[in-house]
Structure formats: structure tokens, C-alpha cells
Protein backbone atom coordinates (compact mmCIF):
# COMPACT_ATOMS: atom_id res chain seq x y z
CA MET A 1 0.76 -26.27 -0.64
CA THR A 2 2.18 -28.48 -3.45
CA ARG A 3 5.86 -28.98 -3.74
CA SER A 4 8.03 -30.18 -6.80
CA SER A 5 9.78 -33.04 -6.72
CA GLY A 6 13.47 -32.81 -6.03
CA SER A 7 15.69 -30.55 -3.80
CA SER A 8 13.74 -27.37 -4.27
CA SER A 9 12.22 -25.92 -1.30
CA SER A 10 10.44 -23.15 -3.30
CA ILE A 11 6.31 -23.57 -3.76
CA ARG A 12 5.55 -24.44 -7.32
CA GLY A 13 2.25 -25.20 -8.69
CA VAL A 14 -0.26 -23.67 -6.62
CA ASP A 15 -3.53 -25.07 -7.00
CA GLU A 16 -7.04 -23.47 -6.25
CA ARG A 17 -7.03 -24.49 -2.73
CA ASP A 18 -3.76 -22.97 -1.95
CA LEU A 19 -4.73 -19.94 -3.68
CA ILE A 20 -7.56 -19.53 -1.82
CA LEU A 21 -5.76 -20.19 1.42
CA LEU A 22 -3.25 -17.31 0.77
CA GLU A 23 -5.85 -14.82 -0.21
CA SER A 24 -8.06 -15.87 3.01
CA ALA A 25 -4.51 -14.77 4.70
CA ILE A 26 -4.19 -11.57 3.23
CA THR A 27 -7.83 -10.83 4.24
CA ALA A 28 -7.04 -11.95 7.83
CA ILE A 29 -3.85 -9.47 8.05
CA ASP A 30 -6.05 -6.91 6.77
CA GLU A 31 -8.50 -7.22 9.47
CA ALA A 32 -5.88 -7.21 12.04
CA GLY A 33 -4.33 -4.12 10.43
CA ALA A 34 -7.76 -2.63 10.73
CA ALA A 35 -8.09 -3.75 14.22
CA VAL A 36 -4.67 -1.91 15.09
CA ALA A 37 -5.74 1.09 13.43
CA ALA A 38 -8.96 1.29 15.34
CA GLU A 39 -7.09 0.90 18.64
CA VAL A 40 -4.38 3.53 17.99
CA GLU A 41 -7.39 5.88 17.01
CA ARG A 42 -9.05 5.46 20.27
CA ASP A 43 -5.96 7.28 21.60
CA ARG A 44 -6.31 5.42 24.96
CA LEU A 45 -2.93 3.87 24.81
CA GLY A 46 0.60 4.88 26.20
CA GLU A 47 4.13 5.78 23.93
CA THR A 48 5.21 2.18 24.70
CA ALA A 49 1.97 0.65 23.76
CA LEU A 50 1.76 2.78 20.73
CA ALA A 51 5.34 1.91 19.60
CA ARG A 52 4.44 -1.98 19.90
CA LEU A 53 1.35 -1.48 17.72
CA SER A 54 3.45 0.43 15.27
CA THR A 55 5.81 -2.67 14.96
CA VAL A 56 2.83 -5.01 14.75
CA GLU A 57 1.30 -2.73 12.02
CA ALA A 58 4.85 -2.74 10.23
CA GLU A 59 5.04 -6.60 10.24
CA LEU A 60 1.56 -6.93 9.17
CA ARG A 61 2.33 -5.11 6.13
CA ARG A 62 5.54 -6.94 5.55
CA SER A 63 3.55 -10.24 5.89
CA ARG A 64 0.85 -8.80 3.53
CA LEU A 65 3.66 -8.03 1.08
CA ALA A 66 5.20 -11.38 1.16
CA LEU A 67 1.90 -13.23 0.63
CA GLU A 68 1.03 -10.97 -2.47
CA LYS A 69 4.27 -11.61 -3.95
CA ILE A 70 3.70 -15.60 -3.40
CA ILE A 71 0.54 -15.28 -5.31
CA GLN A 72 2.04 -13.06 -8.06
CA GLU A 73 5.00 -15.55 -8.57
CA GLU A 74 3.05 -18.87 -8.66
CA THR A 75 0.22 -17.70 -10.72
CA ILE A 76 2.29 -16.80 -13.58
């Protein structure tokens, strides 16, 4: 991703390639979330594994929201 000159560490001026990469990351997160949900639905896992998957699912949601926020802020 392109960065502005100076000491700022925030992302600036997202170009089309960067936007496509961010959107691809969101798609990958969605696919991973679907895989987690499918595994939970199979109902073959113990409580510990289900708890871990729940944590993974929450982290995926947080990551997706963070990426969406970056896209929103940088495409204004």
C-alpha cells in the first residue's frame, strides 16, 4: 500500500491494486468464516474445540470489520 511522505504511519491514497487486495482479504475472511460455521454445524467437536472455533470466528469478524473500515476511510 502506498504511504504518504512524512512520519505518518497511516495508509494514504489507496490505489486500485491495494483496494483489490483488501477486498480479496475480506473474501478470504468470509470463506474462512463459512468453513468455521460448517465445522460447528457438523457437531462432531468437543466443547474445547468449539470454544476455540468461537474465538477464531470472533477474530475473523473483527478482522473483517477492520478491513472494511480501512476501505471506507481510504476511499472517501
